[in-house]
């Protein structure tokens, strides 16, 4: 039997001194994982930061003053 996944869409906003970057990600969570909202937000921020570093070669977390995560409705 195939494991069930839940998908949490999220907008992650990185705010620095002279920039604001928003990136959309979707976090996949296995049905047997008991995660609270904070852990899902942490995964979303990490996933977005990794994508931006891979794409731009820039460690966005190290230069951000604030990181905001807005979770959408899971499906």
PDB file of N, CA and C in Angstrom:
ATOM      1  N   UNK A   1       0.846  -1.184   0.000  1.00  0.00           N
ATOM      2  CA  UNK A   1       0.000   0.000   0.000  1.00  0.00           C
ATOM      3  C   UNK A   1       0.890   1.245   0.000  1.00  0.00           C
ATOM      4  N   UNK A   2       0.523   2.192  -0.805  1.00  0.00           N
ATOM      5  CA  UNK A   2       1.294   3.408  -0.946  1.00  0.00           C
ATOM      6  C   UNK A   2       1.029   4.349   0.231  1.00  0.00           C
ATOM      7  N   UNK A   3       2.094   4.974   0.743  1.00  0.00           N
ATOM      8  CA  UNK A   3       1.954   5.904   1.869  1.00  0.00           C
ATOM      9  C   UNK A   3       1.218   7.163   1.416  1.00  0.00           C
ATOM     10  N   UNK A   4       0.398   7.683   2.287  1.00  0.00           N
ATOM     11  CA  UNK A   4      -0.372   8.898   2.004  1.00  0.00           C
ATOM     12  C   UNK A   4       0.487  10.122   2.342  1.00  0.00           C
ATOM     13  N   UNK A   5       0.417  11.111   1.489  1.00  0.00           N
ATOM     14  CA  UNK A   5       1.136  12.369   1.711  1.00  0.00           C
ATOM     15  C   UNK A   5       0.116  13.503   1.789  1.00  0.00           C
ATOM     16  N   UNK A   6       0.464  14.497   2.550  1.00  0.00           N
ATOM     17  CA  UNK A   6      -0.302  15.737   2.585  1.00  0.00           C
ATOM     18  C   UNK A   6       0.610  16.831   2.059  1.00  0.00           C
ATOM     19  N   UNK A   7       0.046  17.728   1.295  1.00  0.00           N
ATOM     20  CA  UNK A   7       0.828  18.792   0.690  1.00  0.00           C
ATOM     21  C   UNK A   7       0.380  20.127   1.261  1.00  0.00           C
ATOM     22  N   UNK A   8       1.345  20.900   1.727  1.00  0.00           N
ATOM     23  CA  UNK A   8       1.083  22.201   2.336  1.00  0.00           C
ATOM     24  C   UNK A   8       1.716  23.289   1.458  1.00  0.00           C
ATOM     25  N   UNK A   9       0.914  24.015   0.690  1.00  0.00           N
ATOM     26  CA  UNK A   9       1.472  25.124  -0.086  1.00  0.00           C
ATOM     27  C   UNK A   9       1.849  26.257   0.866  1.00  0.00           C
ATOM     28  N   UNK A  10       2.913  26.964   0.540  1.00  0.00           N
ATOM     29  CA  UNK A  10       3.365  28.042   1.421  1.00  0.00           C
ATOM     30  C   UNK A  10       4.062  29.126   0.612  1.00  0.00           C
ATOM     31  N   UNK A  11       3.863  30.364   1.017  1.00  0.00           N
ATOM     32  CA  UNK A  11       4.623  31.492   0.501  1.00  0.00           C
ATOM     33  C   UNK A  11       5.639  31.863   1.571  1.00  0.00           C
ATOM     34  N   UNK A  12       6.898  31.882   1.201  1.00  0.00           N
ATOM     35  CA  UNK A  12       7.977  32.207   2.129  1.00  0.00           C
ATOM     36  C   UNK A  12       8.560  33.548   1.703  1.00  0.00           C
ATOM     37  N   UNK A  13       8.597  34.495   2.640  1.00  0.00           N
ATOM     38  CA  UNK A  13       9.100  35.831   2.346  1.00  0.00           C
ATOM     39  C   UNK A  13      10.367  36.082   3.152  1.00  0.00           C
ATOM     40  N   UNK A  14      11.433  36.424   2.453  1.00  0.00           N
ATOM     41  CA  UNK A  14      12.707  36.768   3.070  1.00  0.00           C
ATOM     42  C   UNK A  14      12.853  38.283   2.997  1.00  0.00           C
ATOM     43  N   UNK A  15      13.084  38.920   4.141  1.00  0.00           N
ATOM     44  CA  UNK A  15      13.198  40.373   4.206  1.00  0.00           C
ATOM     45  C   UNK A  15      14.593  40.733   4.706  1.00  0.00           C
ATOM     46  N   UNK A  16      15.282  41.542   3.922  1.00  0.00           N
ATOM     47  CA  UNK A  16      16.606  42.015   4.304  1.00  0.00           C
ATOM     48  C   UNK A  16      16.623  43.527   4.324  1.00  0.00           C
ATOM     49  N   UNK A  17      17.784  44.088   4.507  1.00  0.00           N
ATOM     50  CA  UNK A  17      17.917  45.542   4.586  1.00  0.00           C
ATOM     51  C   UNK A  17      17.471  46.222   3.297  1.00  0.00           C
ATOM     52  N   UNK A  18      17.833  45.641   2.143  1.00  0.00           N
ATOM     53  CA  UNK A  18      17.518  46.287   0.870  1.00  0.00           C
ATOM     54  C   UNK A  18      16.755  45.385  -0.091  1.00  0.00           C
ATOM     55  N   UNK A  19      16.111  44.370   0.414  1.00  0.00           N
ATOM     56  CA  UNK A  19      15.393  43.464  -0.482  1.00  0.00           C
ATOM     57  C   UNK A  19      14.235  42.780   0.239  1.00  0.00           C
ATOM     58  N   UNK A  20      13.284  42.327  -0.564  1.00  0.00           N
ATOM     59  CA  UNK A  20      12.208  41.434  -0.135  1.00  0.00           C
ATOM     60  C   UNK A  20      12.031  40.431  -1.265  1.00  0.00           C
ATOM     61  N   UNK A  21      12.150  39.148  -0.935  1.00  0.00           N
ATOM     62  CA  UNK A  21      11.976  38.090  -1.932  1.00  0.00           C
ATOM     63  C   UNK A  21      10.926  37.123  -1.408  1.00  0.00           C
ATOM     64  N   UNK A  22       9.933  36.823  -2.238  1.00  0.00           N
ATOM     65  CA  UNK A  22       8.911  35.852  -1.890  1.00  0.00           C
ATOM     66  C   UNK A  22       9.033  34.670  -2.843  1.00  0.00           C
ATOM     67  N   UNK A  23       8.976  33.480  -2.258  1.00  0.00           N
ATOM     68  CA  UNK A  23       9.085  32.261  -3.060  1.00  0.00           C
ATOM     69  C   UNK A  23       7.985  31.299  -2.618  1.00  0.00           C
ATOM     70  N   UNK A  24       7.331  30.659  -3.577  1.00  0.00           N
ATOM     71  CA  UNK A  24       6.265  29.701  -3.279  1.00  0.00           C
ATOM     72  C   UNK A  24       6.838  28.288  -3.290  1.00  0.00           C
ATOM     73  N   UNK A  25       6.514  27.500  -2.248  1.00  0.00           N
ATOM     74  CA  UNK A  25       6.938  26.101  -2.173  1.00  0.00           C
ATOM     75  C   UNK A  25       5.751  25.245  -1.761  1.00  0.00           C
ATOM     76  N   UNK A  26       5.894  23.945  -1.935  1.00  0.00           N
ATOM     77  CA  UNK A  26       4.910  22.989  -1.449  1.00  0.00           C
ATOM     78  C   UNK A  26       5.641  21.952  -0.619  1.00  0.00           C
ATOM     79  N   UNK A  27       5.254  21.833   0.635  1.00  0.00           N
ATOM     80  CA  UNK A  27       5.893  20.908   1.564  1.00  0.00           C
ATOM     81  C   UNK A  27       5.086  19.612   1.597  1.00  0.00           C
ATOM     82  N   UNK A  28       5.750  18.484   1.362  1.00  0.00           N
ATOM     83  CA  UNK A  28       5.124  17.171   1.412  1.00  0.00           C
ATOM     84  C   UNK A  28       5.350  16.574   2.793  1.00  0.00           C
ATOM     85  N   UNK A  29       4.276  16.124   3.412  1.00  0.00           N
ATOM     86  CA  UNK A  29       4.350  15.540   4.755  1.00  0.00           C
ATOM     87  C   UNK A  29       3.710  14.160   4.702  1.00  0.00           C
ATOM     88  N   UNK A  30       4.436  13.142   5.149  1.00  0.00           N
ATOM     89  CA  UNK A  30       3.876  11.796   5.215  1.00  0.00           C
ATOM     90  C   UNK A  30       2.764  11.743   6.249  1.00  0.00           C
ATOM     91  N   UNK A  31       1.771  10.907   5.999  1.00  0.00           N
ATOM     92  CA  UNK A  31       0.618  10.803   6.893  1.00  0.00           C
ATOM     93  C   UNK A  31       1.023  10.379   8.297  1.00  0.00           C
ATOM     94  N   UNK A  32       2.085   9.575   8.435  1.00  0.00           N
ATOM     95  CA  UNK A  32       2.471   9.106   9.762  1.00  0.00           C
ATOM     96  C   UNK A  32       3.343  10.104  10.522  1.00  0.00           C
ATOM     97  N   UNK A  33       3.712  11.215   9.895  1.00  0.00           N
ATOM     98  CA  UNK A  33       4.480  12.244  10.594  1.00  0.00           C
ATOM     99  C   UNK A  33       3.520  13.128  11.384  1.00  0.00           C
ATOM    100  N   UNK A  34       3.795  13.290  12.640  1.00  0.00           N
ATOM    101  CA  UNK A  34       2.965  14.139  13.493  1.00  0.00           C
ATOM    102  C   UNK A  34       3.668  15.481  13.668  1.00  0.00           C
ATOM    103  N   UNK A  35       3.442  16.381  12.709  1.00  0.00           N
ATOM    104  CA  UNK A  35       4.122  17.668  12.724  1.00  0.00           C
ATOM    105  C   UNK A  35       3.178  18.772  13.152  1.00  0.00           C
ATOM    106  N   UNK A  36       3.705  19.713  13.927  1.00  0.00           N
ATOM    107  CA  UNK A  36       2.896  20.884  14.249  1.00  0.00           C
ATOM    108  C   UNK A  36       3.140  21.944  13.166  1.00  0.00           C
ATOM    109  N   UNK A  37       2.383  23.004  13.204  1.00  0.00           N
ATOM    110  CA  UNK A  37       2.455  24.045  12.183  1.00  0.00           C
ATOM    111  C   UNK A  37       3.850  24.653  12.099  1.00  0.00           C
ATOM    112  N   UNK A  38       4.507  24.831  13.242  1.00  0.00           N
ATOM    113  CA  UNK A  38       5.842  25.420  13.251  1.00  0.00           C
ATOM    114  C   UNK A  38       6.860  24.588  12.503  1.00  0.00           C
ATOM    115  N   UNK A  39       6.760  23.281  12.616  1.00  0.00           N
ATOM    116  CA  UNK A  39       7.693  22.394  11.909  1.00  0.00           C
ATOM    117  C   UNK A  39       7.454  22.436  10.398  1.00  0.00           C
ATOM    118  N   UNK A  40       6.203  22.547   9.998  1.00  0.00           N
ATOM    119  CA  UNK A  40       5.886  22.654   8.568  1.00  0.00           C
ATOM    120  C   UNK A  40       6.406  23.984   8.030  1.00  0.00           C
ATOM    121  N   UNK A  41       6.247  25.054   8.795  1.00  0.00           N
ATOM    122  CA  UNK A  41       6.769  26.357   8.384  1.00  0.00           C
ATOM    123  C   UNK A  41       8.290  26.325   8.275  1.00  0.00           C
ATOM    124  N   UNK A  42       8.957  25.653   9.214  1.00  0.00           N
ATOM    125  CA  UNK A  42      10.417  25.528   9.163  1.00  0.00           C
ATOM    126  C   UNK A  42      10.859  24.792   7.910  1.00  0.00           C
ATOM    127  N   UNK A  43      10.152  23.713   7.572  1.00  0.00           N
ATOM    128  CA  UNK A  43      10.474  22.964   6.347  1.00  0.00           C
ATOM    129  C   UNK A  43      10.276  23.831   5.112  1.00  0.00           C
ATOM    130  N   UNK A  44       9.209  24.629   5.102  1.00  0.00           N
ATOM    131  CA  UNK A  44       8.939  25.500   3.955  1.00  0.00           C
ATOM    132  C   UNK A  44      10.052  26.534   3.799  1.00  0.00           C
ATOM    133  N   UNK A  45      10.467  27.149   4.896  1.00  0.00           N
ATOM    134  CA  UNK A  45      11.531  28.152   4.843  1.00  0.00           C
ATOM    135  C   UNK A  45      12.840  27.521   4.388  1.00  0.00           C
ATOM    136  N   UNK A  46      13.140  26.333   4.881  1.00  0.00           N
ATOM    137  CA  UNK A  46      14.366  25.644   4.494  1.00  0.00           C
ATOM    138  C   UNK A  46      14.340  25.274   3.015  1.00  0.00           C
ATOM    139  N   UNK A  47      13.205  24.767   2.548  1.00  0.00           N
ATOM    140  CA  UNK A  47      13.065  24.379   1.141  1.00  0.00           C
ATOM    141  C   UNK A  47      13.224  25.595   0.231  1.00  0.00           C
ATOM    142  N   UNK A  48      12.610  26.714   0.602  1.00  0.00           N
ATOM    143  CA  UNK A  48      12.713  27.931  -0.210  1.00  0.00           C
ATOM    144  C   UNK A  48      14.148  28.451  -0.218  1.00  0.00           C
ATOM    145  N   UNK A  49      14.796  28.455   0.943  1.00  0.00           N
ATOM    146  CA  UNK A  49      16.176  28.943   1.036  1.00  0.00           C
ATOM    147  C   UNK A  49      17.121  28.074   0.209  1.00  0.00           C
ATOM    148  N   UNK A  50      16.926  26.762   0.247  1.00  0.00           N
ATOM    149  CA  UNK A  50      17.770  25.854  -0.535  1.00  0.00           C
ATOM    150  C   UNK A  50      17.589  26.088  -2.033  1.00  0.00           C
ATOM    151  N   UNK A  51      16.331  26.282  -2.455  1.00  0.00           N
ATOM    152  CA  UNK A  51      16.075  26.541  -3.871  1.00  0.00           C
ATOM    153  C   UNK A  51      16.768  27.827  -4.313  1.00  0.00           C
ATOM    154  N   UNK A  52      16.602  28.897  -3.533  1.00  0.00           N
ATOM    155  CA  UNK A  52      17.188  30.178  -3.910  1.00  0.00           C
ATOM    156  C   UNK A  52      18.714  30.127  -3.905  1.00  0.00           C
ATOM    157  N   UNK A  53      19.291  29.374  -2.977  1.00  0.00           N
ATOM    158  CA  UNK A  53      20.746  29.238  -2.964  1.00  0.00           C
ATOM    159  C   UNK A  53      21.226  28.442  -4.174  1.00  0.00           C
ATOM    160  N   UNK A  54      20.515  27.371  -4.519  1.00  0.00           N
ATOM    161  CA  UNK A  54      20.882  26.591  -5.704  1.00  0.00           C
ATOM    162  C   UNK A  54      20.750  27.420  -6.983  1.00  0.00           C
ATOM    163  N   UNK A  55      19.695  28.220  -7.069  1.00  0.00           N
ATOM    164  CA  UNK A  55      19.417  28.975  -8.291  1.00  0.00           C
ATOM    165  C   UNK A  55      20.328  30.196  -8.431  1.00  0.00           C
ATOM    166  N   UNK A  56      20.449  30.986  -7.313  1.00  0.00           N
ATOM    167  CA  UNK A  56      21.200  32.238  -7.370  1.00  0.00           C
ATOM    168  C   UNK A  56      22.608  32.134  -6.781  1.00  0.00           C
ATOM    169  N   UNK A  57      22.889  31.052  -6.022  1.00  0.00           N
ATOM    170  CA  UNK A  57      24.183  30.929  -5.371  1.00  0.00           C
ATOM    171  C   UNK A  57      24.340  31.865  -4.192  1.00  0.00           C
ATOM    172  N   UNK A  58      23.221  32.213  -3.563  1.00  0.00           N
ATOM    173  CA  UNK A  58      23.209  33.221  -2.511  1.00  0.00           C
ATOM    174  C   UNK A  58      22.564  32.630  -1.274  1.00  0.00           C
ATOM    175  N   UNK A  59      23.268  32.661  -0.154  1.00  0.00           N
ATOM    176  CA  UNK A  59      22.720  32.170   1.113  1.00  0.00           C
ATOM    177  C   UNK A  59      21.771  33.224   1.675  1.00  0.00           C
ATOM    178  N   UNK A  60      20.519  33.127   1.297  1.00  0.00           N
ATOM    179  CA  UNK A  60      19.535  34.151   1.638  1.00  0.00           C
ATOM    180  C   UNK A  60      19.229  34.222   3.134  1.00  0.00           C
ATOM    181  N   UNK A  61      19.307  33.084   3.808  1.00  0.00           N
ATOM    182  CA  UNK A  61      19.019  33.082   5.245  1.00  0.00           C
ATOM    183  C   UNK A  61      20.026  33.925   6.021  1.00  0.00           C
ATOM    184  N   UNK A  62      21.273  33.909   5.597  1.00  0.00           N
ATOM    185  CA  UNK A  62      22.307  34.632   6.344  1.00  0.00           C
ATOM    186  C   UNK A  62      22.180  36.149   6.207  1.00  0.00           C
ATOM    187  N   UNK A  63      21.518  36.628   5.166  1.00  0.00           N
ATOM    188  CA  UNK A  63      21.384  38.073   4.968  1.00  0.00           C
ATOM    189  C   UNK A  63      19.960  38.570   5.220  1.00  0.00           C
ATOM    190  N   UNK A  64      19.089  37.690   5.654  1.00  0.00           N
ATOM    191  CA  UNK A  64      17.702  38.077   5.938  1.00  0.00           C
ATOM    192  C   UNK A  64      17.554  38.510   7.391  1.00  0.00           C
ATOM    193  N   UNK A  65      16.832  39.581   7.569  1.00  0.00           N
ATOM    194  CA  UNK A  65      16.513  40.063   8.915  1.00  0.00           C
ATOM    195  C   UNK A  65      15.251  39.393   9.445  1.00  0.00           C
ATOM    196  N   UNK A  66      14.414  38.940   8.537  1.00  0.00           N
ATOM    197  CA  UNK A  66      13.126  38.362   8.904  1.00  0.00           C
ATOM    198  C   UNK A  66      12.718  37.356   7.836  1.00  0.00           C
ATOM    199  N   UNK A  67      12.128  36.241   8.285  1.00  0.00           N
ATOM    200  CA  UNK A  67      11.602  35.235   7.361  1.00  0.00           C
ATOM    201  C   UNK A  67      10.171  34.937   7.792  1.00  0.00           C
ATOM    202  N   UNK A  68       9.225  35.182   6.898  1.00  0.00           N
ATOM    203  CA  UNK A  68       7.804  34.959   7.178  1.00  0.00           C
ATOM    204  C   UNK A  68       7.299  33.837   6.283  1.00  0.00           C
ATOM    205  N   UNK A  69       6.473  32.960   6.875  1.00  0.00           N
ATOM    206  CA  UNK A  69       5.881  31.848   6.135  1.00  0.00           C
ATOM    207  C   UNK A  69       4.366  31.921   6.274  1.00  0.00           C
ATOM    208  N   UNK A  70       3.695  31.922   5.142  1.00  0.00           N
ATOM    209  CA  UNK A  70       2.224  31.914   5.109  1.00  0.00           C
ATOM    210  C   UNK A  70       1.783  30.590   4.505  1.00  0.00           C
ATOM    211  N   UNK A  71       1.197  29.736   5.340  1.00  0.00           N
ATOM    212  CA  UNK A  71       0.738  28.430   4.872  1.00  0.00           C
ATOM    213  C   UNK A  71      -0.627  28.550   4.214  1.00  0.00           C
ATOM    214  N   UNK A  72      -0.787  27.808   3.123  1.00  0.00           N
ATOM    215  CA  UNK A  72      -2.082  27.730   2.459  1.00  0.00           C
ATOM    216  C   UNK A  72      -2.885  26.538   3.007  1.00  0.00           C
ATOM    217  N   UNK A  73      -3.943  26.218   2.348  1.00  0.00           N
ATOM    218  CA  UNK A  73      -4.804  25.119   2.765  1.00  0.00           C
ATOM    219  C   UNK A  73      -4.191  23.808   2.276  1.00  0.00           C
ATOM    220  N   UNK A  74      -3.912  22.870   3.193  1.00  0.00           N
ATOM    221  CA  UNK A  74      -3.294  21.606   2.774  1.00  0.00           C
ATOM    222  C   UNK A  74      -4.266  20.757   1.957  1.00  0.00           C
ATOM    223  N   UNK A  75      -3.710  19.941   1.127  1.00  0.00           N
ATOM    224  CA  UNK A  75      -4.510  19.012   0.308  1.00  0.00           C
ATOM    225  C   UNK A  75      -3.875  17.662   0.295  1.00  0.00           C
TER     226      UNK A  75
END
